[in-house]
C-alpha atoms as a PDB file:
ATOM      1  CA  MET A   1     -12.459  12.629  40.657  1.00  0.00           C
ATOM      2  CA  LEU A   2     -15.088  10.117  39.497  1.00  0.00           C
ATOM      3  CA  ALA A   3     -17.614  12.968  39.193  1.00  0.00           C
ATOM      4  CA  PHE A   4     -15.080  14.926  37.156  1.00  0.00           C
ATOM      5  CA  ILE A   5     -14.461  12.018  34.820  1.00  0.00           C
ATOM      6  CA  ALA A   6     -18.183  11.361  34.385  1.00  0.00           C
ATOM      7  CA  GLN A   7     -18.804  14.984  33.593  1.00  0.00           C
ATOM      8  CA  ARG A   8     -15.989  15.073  31.040  1.00  0.00           C
ATOM      9  CA  ILE A   9     -17.213  11.950  29.379  1.00  0.00           C
ATOM     10  CA  GLY A  10     -20.689  13.407  29.096  1.00  0.00           C
ATOM     11  CA  LYS A  11     -19.322  16.558  27.446  1.00  0.00           C
ATOM     12  CA  ALA A  12     -17.166  14.425  25.146  1.00  0.00           C
ATOM     13  CA  VAL A  13     -20.205  12.524  23.937  1.00  0.00           C
ATOM     14  CA  VAL A  14     -21.987  15.777  23.097  1.00  0.00           C
ATOM     15  CA  VAL A  15     -18.926  17.153  21.291  1.00  0.00           C
ATOM     16  CA  LEU A  16     -18.534  13.912  19.345  1.00  0.00           C
ATOM     17  CA  LEU A  17     -22.157  13.993  18.162  1.00  0.00           C
ATOM     18  CA  ALA A  18     -21.735  17.602  17.100  1.00  0.00           C
ATOM     19  CA  ILE A  19     -18.602  16.630  15.134  1.00  0.00           C
ATOM     20  CA  VAL A  20     -20.467  13.753  13.465  1.00  0.00           C
ATOM     21  CA  VAL A  21     -23.266  16.097  12.301  1.00  0.00           C
ATOM     22  CA  LEU A  22     -20.858  18.749  11.107  1.00  0.00           C
ATOM     23  CA  ASN A  23     -18.700  16.271   9.194  1.00  0.00           C
ATOM     24  CA  PHE A  24     -21.773  14.770   7.661  1.00  0.00           C
ATOM     25  CA  PHE A  25     -22.817  18.089   6.039  1.00  0.00           C
ATOM     26  CA  LEU A  26     -19.224  19.241   5.207  1.00  0.00           C
ATOM     27  CA  ILE A  27     -18.472  16.076   3.211  1.00  0.00           C
ATOM     28  CA  ARG A  28     -21.655  16.429   1.203  1.00  0.00           C
ATOM     29  CA  LEU A  29     -20.798  19.994   0.313  1.00  0.00           C
ATOM     30  CA  ALA A  30     -17.877  18.696  -1.722  1.00  0.00           C
ATOM     31  CA  PRO A  31     -18.585  18.315  -5.455  1.00  0.00           C
ATOM     32  CA  GLY A  32     -19.371  14.811  -6.711  1.00  0.00           C
ATOM     33  CA  ASP A  33     -20.602  11.711  -4.904  1.00  0.00           C
ATOM     34  CA  PRO A  34     -19.791   7.977  -4.911  1.00  0.00           C
ATOM     35  CA  ALA A  35     -22.335   7.331  -7.663  1.00  0.00           C
ATOM     36  CA  LEU A  36     -20.730   9.795 -10.073  1.00  0.00           C
ATOM     37  CA  VAL A  37     -17.222   8.557  -9.286  1.00  0.00           C
ATOM     38  CA  MET A  38     -18.096   4.907  -9.806  1.00  0.00           C
ATOM     39  CA  ALA A  39     -20.087   5.598 -12.937  1.00  0.00           C
ATOM     40  CA  GLY A  40     -17.143   7.526 -14.363  1.00  0.00           C
ATOM     41  CA  GLU A  41     -14.753   4.609 -13.551  1.00  0.00           C
ATOM     42  CA  ALA A  42     -17.184   2.161 -15.171  1.00  0.00           C
ATOM     43  CA  GLY A  43     -17.451   4.323 -18.288  1.00  0.00           C
ATOM     44  CA  ALA A  44     -21.231   4.523 -17.926  1.00  0.00           C
ATOM     45  CA  GLY A  45     -22.495   8.028 -17.625  1.00  0.00           C
ATOM     46  CA  ASP A  46     -26.240   7.487 -18.397  1.00  0.00           C
ATOM     47  CA  GLN A  47     -28.690   8.958 -15.844  1.00  0.00           C
ATOM     48  CA  LEU A  48     -30.408   5.613 -15.222  1.00  0.00           C
ATOM     49  CA  PHE A  49     -27.192   3.868 -14.061  1.00  0.00           C
ATOM     50  CA  ILE A  50     -26.285   6.839 -11.830  1.00  0.00           C
ATOM     51  CA  SER A  51     -29.808   6.798 -10.316  1.00  0.00           C
ATOM     52  CA  GLN A  52     -29.441   3.093  -9.561  1.00  0.00           C
ATOM     53  CA  LEU A  53     -26.159   3.654  -7.857  1.00  0.00           C
ATOM     54  CA  ARG A  54     -27.606   6.523  -5.805  1.00  0.00           C
ATOM     55  CA  GLU A  55     -30.485   4.363  -4.715  1.00  0.00           C
ATOM     56  CA  LYS A  56     -28.052   1.583  -3.765  1.00  0.00           C
ATOM     57  CA  PHE A  57     -25.977   3.944  -1.628  1.00  0.00           C
ATOM     58  CA  GLY A  58     -29.069   5.594  -0.086  1.00  0.00           C
ATOM     59  CA  LEU A  59     -28.128   8.962  -1.671  1.00  0.00           C
ATOM     60  CA  ASP A  60     -31.647   9.323  -3.151  1.00  0.00           C
ATOM     61  CA  LYS A  61     -33.133   9.837   0.297  1.00  0.00           C
ATOM     62  CA  PRO A  62     -33.609  13.352   1.712  1.00  0.00           C
ATOM     63  CA  MET A  63     -30.636  14.737   3.550  1.00  0.00           C
ATOM     64  CA  PRO A  64     -32.394  14.776   6.995  1.00  0.00           C
ATOM     65  CA  VAL A  65     -33.302  11.116   6.586  1.00  0.00           C
ATOM     66  CA  GLN A  66     -29.647  10.260   5.658  1.00  0.00           C
ATOM     67  CA  LEU A  67     -28.413  12.165   8.701  1.00  0.00           C
ATOM     68  CA  PHE A  68     -30.899  10.450  10.993  1.00  0.00           C
ATOM     69  CA  LEU A  69     -29.935   6.989   9.737  1.00  0.00           C
ATOM     70  CA  TYR A  70     -26.253   7.717  10.049  1.00  0.00           C
ATOM     71  CA  VAL A  71     -26.454   9.177  13.631  1.00  0.00           C
ATOM     72  CA  LYS A  72     -28.691   6.239  14.648  1.00  0.00           C
ATOM     73  CA  GLY A  73     -26.004   3.879  13.410  1.00  0.00           C
ATOM     74  CA  ILE A  74     -23.212   5.783  15.254  1.00  0.00           C
ATOM     75  CA  LEU A  75     -25.242   5.550  18.512  1.00  0.00           C
ATOM     76  CA  SER A  76     -25.412   1.818  18.062  1.00  0.00           C
ATOM     77  CA  PHE A  77     -21.618   1.655  17.298  1.00  0.00           C
ATOM     78  CA  ASP A  78     -22.302   0.928  13.656  1.00  0.00           C
ATOM     79  CA  LEU A  79     -20.045   3.052  11.366  1.00  0.00           C
ATOM     80  CA  GLY A  80     -21.825   1.841   8.261  1.00  0.00           C
ATOM     81  CA  TYR A  81     -20.770  -0.102   5.171  1.00  0.00           C
ATOM     82  CA  SER A  82     -18.161   0.846   2.521  1.00  0.00           C
ATOM     83  CA  PHE A  83     -19.639   0.077  -0.861  1.00  0.00           C
ATOM     84  CA  ARG A  84     -16.312   0.821  -2.510  1.00  0.00           C
ATOM     85  CA  GLN A  85     -14.442  -1.754  -0.424  1.00  0.00           C
ATOM     86  CA  GLN A  86     -17.475  -4.090  -0.007  1.00  0.00           C
ATOM     87  CA  MET A  87     -16.646  -4.333   3.742  1.00  0.00           C
ATOM     88  CA  PRO A  88     -17.968  -2.877   7.042  1.00  0.00           C
ATOM     89  CA  VAL A  89     -16.268   0.393   7.822  1.00  0.00           C
ATOM     90  CA  SER A  90     -15.481  -0.706  11.370  1.00  0.00           C
ATOM     91  CA  LYS A  91     -13.489  -3.713  10.053  1.00  0.00           C
ATOM     92  CA  LEU A  92     -11.541  -1.536   7.584  1.00  0.00           C
ATOM     93  CA  ILE A  93     -10.596   0.877  10.360  1.00  0.00           C
ATOM     94  CA  LEU A  94      -9.730  -1.831  12.902  1.00  0.00           C
ATOM     95  CA  ASP A  95      -7.489  -3.492  10.332  1.00  0.00           C
ATOM     96  CA  ARG A  96      -5.523  -0.264   9.793  1.00  0.00           C
ATOM     97  CA  LEU A  97      -5.699   1.237  13.293  1.00  0.00           C
ATOM     98  CA  PRO A  98      -2.874  -0.867  14.893  1.00  0.00           C
ATOM     99  CA  ALA A  99      -0.400   0.336  12.255  1.00  0.00           C
ATOM    100  CA  THR A 100      -1.380   3.966  12.852  1.00  0.00           C
ATOM    101  CA  MET A 101      -1.219   3.598  16.638  1.00  0.00           C
ATOM    102  CA  LEU A 102       2.194   2.034  16.339  1.00  0.00           C
ATOM    103  CA  LEU A 103       3.433   4.852  14.124  1.00  0.00           C
ATOM    104  CA  THR A 104       1.932   7.772  16.024  1.00  0.00           C
ATOM    105  CA  GLY A 105       2.732   6.257  19.446  1.00  0.00           C
ATOM    106  CA  THR A 106       6.407   5.806  18.534  1.00  0.00           C
ATOM    107  CA  ALA A 107       6.560   9.256  17.004  1.00  0.00           C
ATOM    108  CA  PHE A 108       4.937  10.771  20.112  1.00  0.00           C
ATOM    109  CA  ALA A 109       7.358   8.994  22.466  1.00  0.00           C
ATOM    110  CA  ILE A 110      10.376  10.108  20.350  1.00  0.00           C
ATOM    111  CA  SER A 111       9.250  13.705  20.135  1.00  0.00           C
ATOM    112  CA  LEU A 112       8.315  14.017  23.816  1.00  0.00           C
ATOM    113  CA  ALA A 113      11.444  12.296  25.210  1.00  0.00           C
ATOM    114  CA  PHE A 114      13.973  14.084  23.008  1.00  0.00           C
ATOM    115  CA  GLY A 115      12.050  17.373  23.063  1.00  0.00           C
ATOM    116  CA  ILE A 116      12.078  17.556  26.862  1.00  0.00           C
ATOM    117  CA  MET A 117      15.714  16.367  27.025  1.00  0.00           C
ATOM    118  CA  PHE A 118      16.983  18.922  24.539  1.00  0.00           C
ATOM    119  CA  GLY A 119      14.745  21.666  26.001  1.00  0.00           C
ATOM    120  CA  ALA A 120      16.113  21.005  29.483  1.00  0.00           C
ATOM    121  CA  LEU A 121      19.662  21.002  28.175  1.00  0.00           C
ATOM    122  CA  ALA A 122      19.100  24.299  26.383  1.00  0.00           C
ATOM    123  CA  ALA A 123      17.635  25.833  29.535  1.00  0.00           C
ATOM    124  CA  ARG A 124      20.603  24.712  31.676  1.00  0.00           C
ATOM    125  CA  ARG A 125      23.072  26.035  29.088  1.00  0.00           C
ATOM    126  CA  ALA A 126      21.104  29.253  28.335  1.00  0.00           C
ATOM    127  CA  GLY A 127      23.207  31.761  26.407  1.00  0.00           C
ATOM    128  CA  THR A 128      25.825  29.230  25.402  1.00  0.00           C
ATOM    129  CA  TRP A 129      26.635  27.636  22.021  1.00  0.00           C
ATOM    130  CA  ALA A 130      24.653  24.551  23.031  1.00  0.00           C
ATOM    131  CA  ASP A 131      21.551  26.578  23.644  1.00  0.00           C
ATOM    132  CA  THR A 132      21.988  28.381  20.261  1.00  0.00           C
ATOM    133  CA  ALA A 133      22.483  25.116  18.385  1.00  0.00           C
ATOM    134  CA  ILE A 134      19.469  23.441  19.889  1.00  0.00           C
ATOM    135  CA  THR A 135      17.289  26.515  19.246  1.00  0.00           C
ATOM    136  CA  VAL A 136      18.403  26.800  15.633  1.00  0.00           C
ATOM    137  CA  LEU A 137      17.826  23.079  14.968  1.00  0.00           C
ATOM    138  CA  ALA A 138      14.440  23.253  16.613  1.00  0.00           C
ATOM    139  CA  LEU A 139      13.397  26.177  14.399  1.00  0.00           C
ATOM    140  CA  ILE A 140      14.695  24.362  11.276  1.00  0.00           C
ATOM    141  CA  PHE A 141      12.740  21.192  12.014  1.00  0.00           C
ATOM    142  CA  TYR A 142       9.617  23.236  12.938  1.00  0.00           C
ATOM    143  CA  ALA A 143       9.721  25.297   9.724  1.00  0.00           C
ATOM    144  CA  THR A 144      10.592  22.470   7.277  1.00  0.00           C
ATOM    145  CA  PRO A 145       7.618  20.730   5.611  1.00  0.00           C
ATOM    146  CA  LEU A 146       7.136  17.132   6.713  1.00  0.00           C
ATOM    147  CA  PHE A 147       6.875  15.821   3.127  1.00  0.00           C
ATOM    148  CA  TRP A 148      10.317  17.300   2.311  1.00  0.00           C
ATOM    149  CA  ILE A 149      11.948  15.758   5.366  1.00  0.00           C
ATOM    150  CA  ALA A 150      10.312  12.437   4.447  1.00  0.00           C
ATOM    151  CA  LEU A 151      11.605  12.488   0.901  1.00  0.00           C
ATOM    152  CA  MET A 152      15.113  13.583   1.906  1.00  0.00           C
ATOM    153  CA  ALA A 153      15.168  10.828   4.565  1.00  0.00           C
ATOM    154  CA  ILE A 154      14.245   8.231   1.868  1.00  0.00           C
ATOM    155  CA  LEU A 155      16.912   9.532  -0.540  1.00  0.00           C
ATOM    156  CA  LEU A 156      19.599   9.556   2.119  1.00  0.00           C
ATOM    157  CA  PHE A 157      19.002   6.542   4.304  1.00  0.00           C
ATOM    158  CA  SER A 158      17.233   4.235   1.779  1.00  0.00           C
ATOM    159  CA  VAL A 159      18.478   5.092  -1.678  1.00  0.00           C
ATOM    160  CA  THR A 160      22.012   6.386  -1.000  1.00  0.00           C
ATOM    161  CA  MET A 161      23.136   4.546   2.117  1.00  0.00           C
ATOM    162  CA  GLU A 162      20.728   1.574   1.890  1.00  0.00           C
ATOM    163  CA  TRP A 163      20.435   1.407   5.666  1.00  0.00           C
ATOM    164  CA  LEU A 164      16.655   1.375   6.057  1.00  0.00           C
ATOM    165  CA  PRO A 165      13.643   0.313   3.894  1.00  0.00           C
ATOM    166  CA  SER A 166      11.889   3.170   2.175  1.00  0.00           C
ATOM    167  CA  PHE A 167       8.289   2.177   2.311  1.00  0.00           C
ATOM    168  CA  GLY A 168       5.775  -0.285   3.680  1.00  0.00           C
ATOM    169  CA  TYR A 169       5.003  -1.902   6.990  1.00  0.00           C
ATOM    170  CA  LYS A 170       7.116  -5.000   6.522  1.00  0.00           C
ATOM    171  CA  THR A 171       9.136  -6.804   3.853  1.00  0.00           C
ATOM    172  CA  VAL A 172       6.726  -8.203   1.293  1.00  0.00           C
ATOM    173  CA  GLY A 173       7.047 -11.958   0.823  1.00  0.00           C
ATOM    174  CA  ALA A 174       9.581 -12.388   3.647  1.00  0.00           C
ATOM    175  CA  ASN A 175       7.059 -14.040   5.992  1.00  0.00           C
ATOM    176  CA  TYR A 176       9.144 -13.338   9.092  1.00  0.00           C
ATOM    177  CA  THR A 177       7.897 -14.589  12.458  1.00  0.00           C
ATOM    178  CA  GLY A 178       8.833 -13.924  16.095  1.00  0.00           C
ATOM    179  CA  LEU A 179      11.764 -11.682  16.727  1.00  0.00           C
ATOM    180  CA  ALA A 180      12.654 -11.418  13.015  1.00  0.00           C
ATOM    181  CA  HIS A 181       9.133  -9.988  12.364  1.00  0.00           C
ATOM    182  CA  VAL A 182       9.517  -7.422  15.171  1.00  0.00           C
ATOM    183  CA  LEU A 183      12.941  -6.331  13.901  1.00  0.00           C
ATOM    184  CA  ASP A 184      11.572  -6.067  10.336  1.00  0.00           C
ATOM    185  CA  VAL A 185       8.625  -3.872  11.358  1.00  0.00           C
ATOM    186  CA  GLY A 186      10.964  -1.781  13.552  1.00  0.00           C
ATOM    187  CA  ALA A 187      13.272  -1.169  10.583  1.00  0.00           C
ATOM    188  CA  HIS A 188      10.313  -0.003   8.520  1.00  0.00           C
ATOM    189  CA  LEU A 189       9.087   2.195  11.423  1.00  0.00           C
ATOM    190  CA  ILE A 190      12.221   4.226  11.939  1.00  0.00           C
ATOM    191  CA  LEU A 191      11.965   6.659   9.007  1.00  0.00           C
ATOM    192  CA  PRO A 192       8.214   7.557   9.242  1.00  0.00           C
ATOM    193  CA  ALA A 193       8.194   7.777  13.031  1.00  0.00           C
ATOM    194  CA  THR A 194      11.294   9.947  13.141  1.00  0.00           C
ATOM    195  CA  THR A 195       9.890  12.213  10.368  1.00  0.00           C
ATOM    196  CA  ILE A 196       6.751  12.911  12.366  1.00  0.00           C
ATOM    197  CA  GLY A 197       8.674  13.061  15.671  1.00  0.00           C
ATOM    198  CA  LEU A 198      11.103  15.748  14.479  1.00  0.00           C
ATOM    199  CA  PHE A 199       8.438  18.384  13.969  1.00  0.00           C
ATOM    200  CA  PHE A 200       6.794  17.852  17.413  1.00  0.00           C
ATOM    201  CA  MET A 201      10.172  17.416  19.094  1.00  0.00           C
ATOM    202  CA  ALA A 202      11.054  20.972  18.060  1.00  0.00           C
ATOM    203  CA  THR A 203       7.871  22.252  19.600  1.00  0.00           C
ATOM    204  CA  TYR A 204       8.466  20.454  22.928  1.00  0.00           C
ATOM    205  CA  ALA A 205      12.054  21.591  23.064  1.00  0.00           C
ATOM    206  CA  ARG A 206      11.108  25.211  22.703  1.00  0.00           C
ATOM    207  CA  MET A 207       8.273  24.923  25.167  1.00  0.00           C
ATOM    208  CA  THR A 208      10.435  23.107  27.759  1.00  0.00           C
ATOM    209  CA  ARG A 209      13.270  25.649  27.459  1.00  0.00           C
ATOM    210  CA  ALA A 210      10.969  28.658  27.857  1.00  0.00           C
ATOM    211  CA  SER A 211       9.080  27.107  30.768  1.00  0.00           C
ATOM    212  CA  MET A 212      12.185  26.110  32.627  1.00  0.00           C
ATOM    213  CA  LEU A 213      13.719  29.595  32.217  1.00  0.00           C
ATOM    214  CA  GLU A 214      10.571  31.084  33.672  1.00  0.00           C
ATOM    215  CA  VAL A 215      10.453  28.636  36.635  1.00  0.00           C
ATOM    216  CA  LYS A 216      14.104  29.342  37.436  1.00  0.00           C
ATOM    217  CA  ARG A 217      13.265  32.893  38.392  1.00  0.00           C
ATOM    218  CA  LEU A 218      10.714  31.878  40.998  1.00  0.00           C
ATOM    219  CA  ASP A 219      11.239  32.259  44.711  1.00  0.00           C
ATOM    220  CA  PHE A 220      11.130  28.553  45.652  1.00  0.00           C
ATOM    221  CA  VAL A 221      14.048  27.813  43.285  1.00  0.00           C
ATOM    222  CA  LYS A 222      16.056  30.568  44.990  1.00  0.00           C
ATOM    223  CA  THR A 223      15.174  29.106  48.369  1.00  0.00           C
ATOM    224  CA  ALA A 224      16.336  25.612  47.229  1.00  0.00           C
ATOM    225  CA  ARG A 225      19.679  27.072  46.170  1.00  0.00           C
ATOM    226  CA  ALA A 226      19.974  28.927  49.475  1.00  0.00           C
ATOM    227  CA  LYS A 227      19.551  25.634  51.290  1.00  0.00           C
ATOM    228  CA  GLY A 228      22.585  24.328  49.513  1.00  0.00           C
ATOM    229  CA  LEU A 229      20.942  21.721  47.284  1.00  0.00           C
ATOM    230  CA  ARG A 230      22.994  20.473  44.318  1.00  0.00           C
ATOM    231  CA  ASP A 231      22.201  22.090  40.963  1.00  0.00           C
ATOM    232  CA  ALA A 232      21.281  18.739  39.375  1.00  0.00           C
ATOM    233  CA  VAL A 233      18.690  18.090  42.114  1.00  0.00           C
ATOM    234  CA  ILE A 234      17.237  21.597  41.724  1.00  0.00           C
ATOM    235  CA  GLN A 235      16.963  21.239  37.999  1.00  0.00           C
ATOM    236  CA  ARG A 236      15.359  17.809  38.130  1.00  0.00           C
ATOM    237  CA  ARG A 237      13.044  17.992  41.196  1.00  0.00           C
ATOM    238  CA  HIS A 238      12.146  21.639  41.361  1.00  0.00           C
ATOM    239  CA  VAL A 239      12.578  23.356  37.979  1.00  0.00           C
ATOM    240  CA  LEU A 240      11.798  20.560  35.416  1.00  0.00           C
ATOM    241  CA  ARG A 241       8.814  19.108  37.245  1.00  0.00           C
ATOM    242  CA  ASN A 242       7.111  22.479  37.655  1.00  0.00           C
ATOM    243  CA  ALA A 243       7.980  23.445  34.065  1.00  0.00           C
ATOM    244  CA  LEU A 244       6.341  20.271  32.640  1.00  0.00           C
ATOM    245  CA  LEU A 245       2.715  21.442  33.063  1.00  0.00           C
ATOM    246  CA  PRO A 246       2.548  23.535  29.864  1.00  0.00           C
ATOM    247  CA  VAL A 247       4.431  20.811  28.047  1.00  0.00           C
ATOM    248  CA  VAL A 248       1.880  18.216  29.195  1.00  0.00           C
ATOM    249  CA  THR A 249      -0.900  20.518  28.033  1.00  0.00           C
ATOM    250  CA  LEU A 250       0.634  20.917  24.593  1.00  0.00           C
ATOM    251  CA  ALA A 251       1.463  17.229  24.287  1.00  0.00           C
ATOM    252  CA  GLY A 252      -2.129  16.230  25.225  1.00  0.00           C
ATOM    253  CA  LEU A 253      -3.520  18.523  22.576  1.00  0.00           C
ATOM    254  CA  GLN A 254      -1.113  17.301  19.930  1.00  0.00           C
ATOM    255  CA  ALA A 255      -1.349  13.564  20.770  1.00  0.00           C
ATOM    256  CA  GLY A 256      -4.827  13.348  19.174  1.00  0.00           C
ATOM    257  CA  THR A 257      -3.834  15.367  16.137  1.00  0.00           C
ATOM    258  CA  LEU A 258      -0.936  13.030  15.426  1.00  0.00           C
ATOM    259  CA  VAL A 259      -3.407  10.478  14.062  1.00  0.00           C
ATOM    260  CA  GLY A 260      -4.892  12.878  11.558  1.00  0.00           C
ATOM    261  CA  GLY A 261      -1.535  14.413  10.862  1.00  0.00           C
ATOM    262  CA  ALA A 262      -0.076  11.061   9.813  1.00  0.00           C
ATOM    263  CA  VAL A 263      -1.972  11.223   6.475  1.00  0.00           C
ATOM    264  CA  LEU A 264       0.926  12.777   4.599  1.00  0.00           C
ATOM    265  CA  THR A 265       3.601  10.627   6.186  1.00  0.00           C
ATOM    266  CA  GLU A 266       1.662   7.423   5.714  1.00  0.00           C
ATOM    267  CA  THR A 267       1.111   8.303   2.068  1.00  0.00           C
ATOM    268  CA  VAL A 268       4.787   9.086   1.385  1.00  0.00           C
ATOM    269  CA  PHE A 269       6.047   5.924   3.153  1.00  0.00           C
ATOM    270  CA  ALA A 270       3.105   3.753   2.001  1.00  0.00           C
ATOM    271  CA  TRP A 271       2.341   2.969   5.656  1.00  0.00           C
ATOM    272  CA  PRO A 272      -0.945   0.976   5.855  1.00  0.00           C
ATOM    273  CA  GLY A 273      -2.656   3.115   8.465  1.00  0.00           C
ATOM    274  CA  ILE A 274      -5.974   4.948   8.788  1.00  0.00           C
ATOM    275  CA  GLY A 275      -4.344   8.171   7.516  1.00  0.00           C
ATOM    276  CA  ARG A 276      -3.663   6.599   4.161  1.00  0.00           C
ATOM    277  CA  LEU A 277      -7.098   4.917   4.320  1.00  0.00           C
ATOM    278  CA  MET A 278      -8.705   8.352   4.834  1.00  0.00           C
ATOM    279  CA  TYR A 279      -6.796   9.725   1.782  1.00  0.00           C
ATOM    280  CA  GLU A 280      -7.934   6.888  -0.398  1.00  0.00           C
ATOM    281  CA  ALA A 281     -11.574   7.259   0.799  1.00  0.00           C
ATOM    282  CA  LEU A 282     -11.420  10.954  -0.045  1.00  0.00           C
ATOM    283  CA  LEU A 283     -10.300  10.272  -3.577  1.00  0.00           C
ATOM    284  CA  GLN A 284     -13.004   7.618  -4.006  1.00  0.00           C
ATOM    285  CA  ARG A 285     -15.761   9.732  -2.432  1.00  0.00           C
ATOM    286  CA  ASP A 286     -16.358   6.861  -0.016  1.00  0.00           C
ATOM    287  CA  TYR A 287     -18.634   8.811   2.378  1.00  0.00           C
ATOM    288  CA  ASN A 288     -19.209   6.148   4.994  1.00  0.00           C
ATOM    289  CA  LEU A 289     -15.545   5.238   5.267  1.00  0.00           C
ATOM    290  CA  LEU A 290     -14.450   8.824   5.369  1.00  0.00           C
ATOM    291  CA  LEU A 291     -16.990   9.660   8.086  1.00  0.00           C
ATOM    292  CA  GLY A 292     -15.986   6.540  10.040  1.00  0.00           C
ATOM    293  CA  VAL A 293     -12.369   7.608  10.052  1.00  0.00           C
ATOM    294  CA  PHE A 294     -13.387  11.129  11.197  1.00  0.00           C
ATOM    295  CA  VAL A 295     -15.416   9.671  14.062  1.00  0.00           C
ATOM    296  CA  VAL A 296     -12.571   7.480  15.271  1.00  0.00           C
ATOM    297  CA  CYS A 297     -10.023  10.325  15.016  1.00  0.00           C
ATOM    298  CA  SER A 298     -12.359  12.712  16.898  1.00  0.00           C
ATOM    299  CA  ALA A 299     -12.983  10.141  19.598  1.00  0.00           C
ATOM    300  CA  MET A 300      -9.224   9.630  20.023  1.00  0.00           C
ATOM    301  CA  VAL A 301      -8.649  13.346  20.391  1.00  0.00           C
ATOM    302  CA  LEU A 302     -11.303  13.561  23.119  1.00  0.00           C
ATOM    303  CA  VAL A 303      -9.822  10.526  24.918  1.00  0.00           C
ATOM    304  CA  PHE A 304      -6.346  12.040  24.857  1.00  0.00           C
ATOM    305  CA  ASN A 305      -7.654  15.333  26.223  1.00  0.00           C
ATOM    306  CA  LEU A 306      -9.274  13.498  29.116  1.00  0.00           C
ATOM    307  CA  ILE A 307      -6.036  11.589  29.824  1.00  0.00           C
ATOM    308  CA  THR A 308      -4.161  14.921  29.767  1.00  0.00           C
ATOM    309  CA  ASP A 309      -6.478  16.329  32.423  1.00  0.00           C
ATOM    310  CA  LEU A 310      -5.924  13.268  34.619  1.00  0.00           C
ATOM    311  CA  ILE A 311      -2.118  13.555  34.253  1.00  0.00           C
ATOM    312  CA  TYR A 312      -2.219  17.082  35.534  1.00  0.00           C
ATOM    313  CA  ARG A 313      -2.820  15.849  39.072  1.00  0.00           C
ATOM    314  CA  SER A 314       0.321  13.660  38.996  1.00  0.00           C
ATOM    315  CA  VAL A 315       2.475  16.435  37.525  1.00  0.00           C
ATOM    316  CA  ASP A 316       1.211  19.156  39.851  1.00  0.00           C
ATOM    317  CA  PRO A 317      -0.720  18.010  42.914  1.00  0.00           C
ATOM    318  CA  ARG A 318      -1.813  21.593  43.612  1.00  0.00           C
ATOM    319  CA  ILE A 319      -4.284  21.361  40.689  1.00  0.00           C
ATOM    320  CA  GLU A 320      -7.791  20.330  41.721  1.00  0.00           C
ATOM    321  CA  TYR A 321     -10.358  18.774  39.484  1.00  0.00           C
ATOM    322  CA  ALA A 322     -12.845  21.438  38.419  1.00  0.00           C
ATOM    323  CA  ALA A 323     -15.884  21.477  36.205  1.00  0.00           C
END
């Protein structure tokens, strides 16, 4: 297992470097640069001022030199400096990362727990009204845009019913501490986490249902029934456990994309995470900050994929670690 982990980490490093290089060139293919944006905001469009800004940002150097300096910094765990924010990129990301991890972690837990639960229920009640209701709801949540769900949730639960706060990470100026602070953050977390979780919950529910119906037809399940085991035991120990492998695969792939997919939700709910930070950096042409967010998100995707591979063994002991 140690050899497997070492090999996967080595491959992940190579993939991450390739992503860094690709993102470096893709961002610079976009029209405009930080110098032009800042010059436009300052109302100074003369060429001398723009040249001074490009020299300050290092944009006057040849592209290969810029790439070499950036990759060199990445290898030394230096994500660069944000000239727009006048702060190191790593500090900006670390300040926002806990909020994003809290949001995406909660959304992931909600989607996985309820997705498996509803999928298992639909599989056990296949062909009944409960199966039809769960399937229809899953398709609705899967097909509905996240921003529409977010806006409708704000209108219903915040504006109309006034049950939950509509935006932000915590109540501004309240200065809560201890349990009051936890409850305040939790109240602000419900709407954005549920909005993200509904989409992925629909995916997991459909996947769990299909996988369980397939496992039910296998011979070892028929043997368990022939031995006289209770249906609840068969569903839990034999059917559900063996049906979880494709769900774990899908969850592992989507766990990393949750961070990048939170951009829209964080923007709608004004959640101070790295998704919103990435959106602001894109509007401001803050290359270093944008690349730093991409590197962190890519690294998280690779870490989640490695964790998924390791979870396989606990879900299905028959699986051996392979290169």
